[in-house]
Structure formats: C-alpha cells, structure tokens
N, C-alpha and C. Protein backbone atom coordinates (compact mmCIF):
# COMPACT_ATOMS: atom_id res chain seq x y z
N MET A 1 14.67 47.61 -10.98
CA MET A 1 14.63 46.32 -11.63
C MET A 1 13.95 46.49 -12.98
N SER A 2 14.60 45.99 -13.97
CA SER A 2 14.05 46.11 -15.32
C SER A 2 12.99 45.03 -15.55
N ASP A 3 12.22 45.24 -16.60
CA ASP A 3 11.19 44.24 -16.94
C ASP A 3 11.82 42.89 -17.23
N GLN A 4 12.95 42.87 -17.88
CA GLN A 4 13.62 41.61 -18.21
C GLN A 4 14.08 40.90 -16.94
N ASP A 5 14.63 41.66 -15.99
CA ASP A 5 15.05 41.07 -14.72
C ASP A 5 13.85 40.47 -13.98
N PHE A 6 12.75 41.21 -13.99
CA PHE A 6 11.54 40.73 -13.33
C PHE A 6 11.04 39.44 -13.99
N GLN A 7 11.01 39.42 -15.31
CA GLN A 7 10.57 38.23 -16.04
C GLN A 7 11.49 37.05 -15.74
N ASP A 8 12.79 37.31 -15.70
CA ASP A 8 13.75 36.25 -15.40
C ASP A 8 13.52 35.69 -14.00
N LYS A 9 13.28 36.56 -13.03
CA LYS A 9 13.04 36.11 -11.67
C LYS A 9 11.75 35.30 -11.57
N VAL A 10 10.71 35.75 -12.26
CA VAL A 10 9.44 35.01 -12.24
C VAL A 10 9.62 33.64 -12.88
N LEU A 11 10.29 33.59 -14.02
CA LEU A 11 10.53 32.31 -14.68
C LEU A 11 11.40 31.39 -13.82
N GLU A 12 12.36 31.95 -13.15
CA GLU A 12 13.22 31.18 -12.26
C GLU A 12 12.41 30.61 -11.09
N TYR A 13 11.52 31.42 -10.55
CA TYR A 13 10.65 30.98 -9.47
C TYR A 13 9.75 29.83 -9.93
N PHE A 14 9.15 29.98 -11.10
CA PHE A 14 8.30 28.92 -11.64
C PHE A 14 9.08 27.65 -11.91
N ALA A 15 10.30 27.79 -12.36
CA ALA A 15 11.14 26.61 -12.59
C ALA A 15 11.42 25.89 -11.27
N ARG A 16 11.67 26.65 -10.20
CA ARG A 16 11.90 26.04 -8.88
C ARG A 16 10.63 25.35 -8.39
N LEU A 17 9.48 26.00 -8.60
CA LEU A 17 8.22 25.38 -8.21
C LEU A 17 7.98 24.07 -8.97
N GLU A 18 8.27 24.08 -10.23
CA GLU A 18 8.08 22.87 -11.06
C GLU A 18 9.00 21.75 -10.56
N GLU A 19 10.23 22.08 -10.26
CA GLU A 19 11.18 21.08 -9.76
C GLU A 19 10.72 20.55 -8.41
N GLN A 20 10.23 21.42 -7.55
CA GLN A 20 9.72 20.98 -6.25
C GLN A 20 8.51 20.07 -6.42
N ARG A 21 7.62 20.43 -7.32
CA ARG A 21 6.44 19.60 -7.59
C ARG A 21 6.86 18.22 -8.10
N ARG A 22 7.84 18.19 -8.98
CA ARG A 22 8.34 16.92 -9.52
C ARG A 22 8.94 16.06 -8.41
N GLU A 23 9.72 16.67 -7.53
CA GLU A 23 10.32 15.93 -6.41
C GLU A 23 9.24 15.42 -5.46
N ASP A 24 8.24 16.25 -5.19
CA ASP A 24 7.14 15.83 -4.32
C ASP A 24 6.39 14.65 -4.93
N ASN A 25 6.13 14.71 -6.22
CA ASN A 25 5.43 13.62 -6.91
C ASN A 25 6.24 12.33 -6.85
N GLN A 26 7.55 12.43 -7.04
CA GLN A 26 8.41 11.24 -6.96
C GLN A 26 8.39 10.65 -5.56
N ARG A 27 8.46 11.52 -4.55
CA ARG A 27 8.44 11.06 -3.17
C ARG A 27 7.10 10.39 -2.85
N LEU A 28 6.01 11.00 -3.28
CA LEU A 28 4.69 10.42 -3.03
C LEU A 28 4.51 9.10 -3.75
N GLU A 29 5.01 9.01 -4.97
CA GLU A 29 4.91 7.76 -5.73
C GLU A 29 5.70 6.65 -5.05
N LYS A 30 6.87 6.97 -4.56
CA LYS A 30 7.68 5.98 -3.84
C LYS A 30 6.95 5.53 -2.58
N GLN A 31 6.38 6.46 -1.84
CA GLN A 31 5.64 6.13 -0.63
C GLN A 31 4.43 5.27 -0.95
N ARG A 32 3.75 5.58 -2.04
CA ARG A 32 2.58 4.78 -2.45
C ARG A 32 2.98 3.34 -2.76
N ARG A 33 4.10 3.18 -3.49
CA ARG A 33 4.58 1.82 -3.81
C ARG A 33 4.93 1.06 -2.53
N GLU A 34 5.61 1.72 -1.61
CA GLU A 34 5.98 1.06 -0.35
C GLU A 34 4.74 0.68 0.45
N ASP A 35 3.76 1.56 0.49
CA ASP A 35 2.51 1.27 1.20
C ASP A 35 1.78 0.10 0.56
N ASN A 36 1.74 0.07 -0.76
CA ASN A 36 1.08 -1.03 -1.47
C ASN A 36 1.76 -2.36 -1.17
N GLN A 37 3.10 -2.37 -1.15
CA GLN A 37 3.83 -3.61 -0.84
C GLN A 37 3.53 -4.07 0.58
N ARG A 38 3.50 -3.12 1.51
CA ARG A 38 3.21 -3.46 2.90
C ARG A 38 1.81 -4.03 3.03
N ILE A 39 0.85 -3.41 2.37
CA ILE A 39 -0.54 -3.87 2.43
C ILE A 39 -0.67 -5.25 1.79
N GLU A 40 0.01 -5.48 0.68
CA GLU A 40 -0.05 -6.79 0.03
C GLU A 40 0.53 -7.88 0.93
N LYS A 41 1.62 -7.58 1.64
CA LYS A 41 2.19 -8.56 2.57
C LYS A 41 1.20 -8.87 3.69
N GLN A 42 0.56 -7.84 4.21
CA GLN A 42 -0.43 -8.06 5.26
C GLN A 42 -1.60 -8.86 4.75
N LEU A 43 -2.06 -8.57 3.55
CA LEU A 43 -3.17 -9.31 2.95
C LEU A 43 -2.79 -10.77 2.74
N ASP A 44 -1.57 -11.03 2.29
CA ASP A 44 -1.11 -12.41 2.12
C ASP A 44 -1.10 -13.14 3.46
N ALA A 45 -0.64 -12.46 4.51
CA ALA A 45 -0.62 -13.08 5.84
C ALA A 45 -2.04 -13.38 6.33
N ILE A 46 -2.95 -12.46 6.10
CA ILE A 46 -4.35 -12.67 6.50
C ILE A 46 -4.96 -13.82 5.72
N THR A 47 -4.69 -13.87 4.43
CA THR A 47 -5.22 -14.96 3.60
C THR A 47 -4.69 -16.31 4.08
N ALA A 48 -3.42 -16.37 4.39
CA ALA A 48 -2.84 -17.62 4.90
C ALA A 48 -3.50 -18.02 6.21
N GLN A 49 -3.73 -17.06 7.09
CA GLN A 49 -4.37 -17.36 8.37
C GLN A 49 -5.81 -17.84 8.18
N VAL A 50 -6.53 -17.20 7.26
CA VAL A 50 -7.91 -17.63 6.98
C VAL A 50 -7.92 -19.05 6.43
N ASN A 51 -6.99 -19.35 5.54
CA ASN A 51 -6.92 -20.71 4.99
C ASN A 51 -6.61 -21.72 6.09
N GLU A 52 -5.71 -21.38 6.99
CA GLU A 52 -5.37 -22.27 8.09
C GLU A 52 -6.58 -22.47 9.00
N ASN A 53 -7.29 -21.38 9.29
CA ASN A 53 -8.50 -21.48 10.13
C ASN A 53 -9.56 -22.34 9.46
N THR A 54 -9.72 -22.20 8.16
CA THR A 54 -10.70 -23.00 7.42
C THR A 54 -10.36 -24.48 7.51
N LYS A 55 -9.09 -24.80 7.38
CA LYS A 55 -8.67 -26.21 7.51
C LYS A 55 -8.96 -26.72 8.91
N SER A 56 -8.66 -25.91 9.91
CA SER A 56 -8.89 -26.33 11.30
C SER A 56 -10.38 -26.54 11.56
N ILE A 57 -11.21 -25.66 11.06
CA ILE A 57 -12.66 -25.79 11.25
C ILE A 57 -13.17 -27.04 10.54
N SER A 58 -12.65 -27.30 9.36
CA SER A 58 -13.08 -28.50 8.63
C SER A 58 -12.69 -29.77 9.39
N ALA A 59 -11.48 -29.77 9.92
CA ALA A 59 -11.02 -30.92 10.69
C ALA A 59 -11.86 -31.09 11.95
N LEU A 60 -12.18 -29.99 12.61
CA LEU A 60 -13.00 -30.04 13.81
C LEU A 60 -14.40 -30.55 13.48
N ALA A 61 -14.97 -30.09 12.40
CA ALA A 61 -16.30 -30.55 11.99
C ALA A 61 -16.29 -32.05 11.72
N SER A 62 -15.23 -32.51 11.11
CA SER A 62 -15.10 -33.93 10.83
C SER A 62 -15.02 -34.74 12.12
N GLU A 63 -14.23 -34.26 13.06
CA GLU A 63 -14.09 -34.94 14.35
C GLU A 63 -15.41 -34.95 15.12
N VAL A 64 -16.12 -33.81 15.12
CA VAL A 64 -17.41 -33.75 15.81
C VAL A 64 -18.39 -34.71 15.15
N GLY A 65 -18.37 -34.77 13.83
CA GLY A 65 -19.25 -35.71 13.12
C GLY A 65 -18.93 -37.14 13.49
N TRP A 66 -17.67 -37.47 13.62
CA TRP A 66 -17.25 -38.83 13.98
C TRP A 66 -17.73 -39.15 15.40
N ILE A 67 -17.56 -38.16 16.32
CA ILE A 67 -17.99 -38.37 17.70
C ILE A 67 -19.50 -38.56 17.77
N LYS A 68 -20.24 -37.76 17.03
CA LYS A 68 -21.71 -37.88 17.02
C LYS A 68 -22.11 -39.25 16.49
N GLY A 69 -21.39 -39.74 15.51
CA GLY A 69 -21.68 -41.05 14.93
C GLY A 69 -21.46 -42.16 15.93
N LYS A 70 -20.54 -42.01 16.83
CA LYS A 70 -20.25 -43.04 17.83
C LYS A 70 -21.22 -42.99 19.00
N MET A 71 -21.93 -41.88 19.16
CA MET A 71 -22.83 -41.76 20.31
C MET A 71 -24.12 -42.41 20.02
C-alpha cells in the first residue's frame, strides 16, 4: 500500500466518522425535541389539574365557611 493509498483510506474513514457523527447529532436533536414536546404536554396537564384542584379547594372553603356561619 502506497502512502497516498493510506492517506486516502484514512481520509475516507474520517469522512465516514464525520457523517456518522452528523447523523447521530440529528437523531439526538430530534429525540430531544420529541421529549421536550412530551414533557410540555405533561406539564400543561399537571397545571390544568392543579388549577382545577385550587378551584375545588376554594369552593370547599367557601362552603365550610357558610356552614360554620350557620352553626
């Protein structure tokens, strides 16, 4: 194998590594975006539930106050 052949093979190998790294980065970025969307949906659902619970607690406190006032 000549020096030129060796250099060509090394450069070809590095080019394949670079392409693989680029593909891995794209795949990871896509996965990160999907994970972020999933987490945001879960957070929105939790926020809605907390708001609903807060309303229920406020209504319950009002009812208890009314009952105490009648006693």
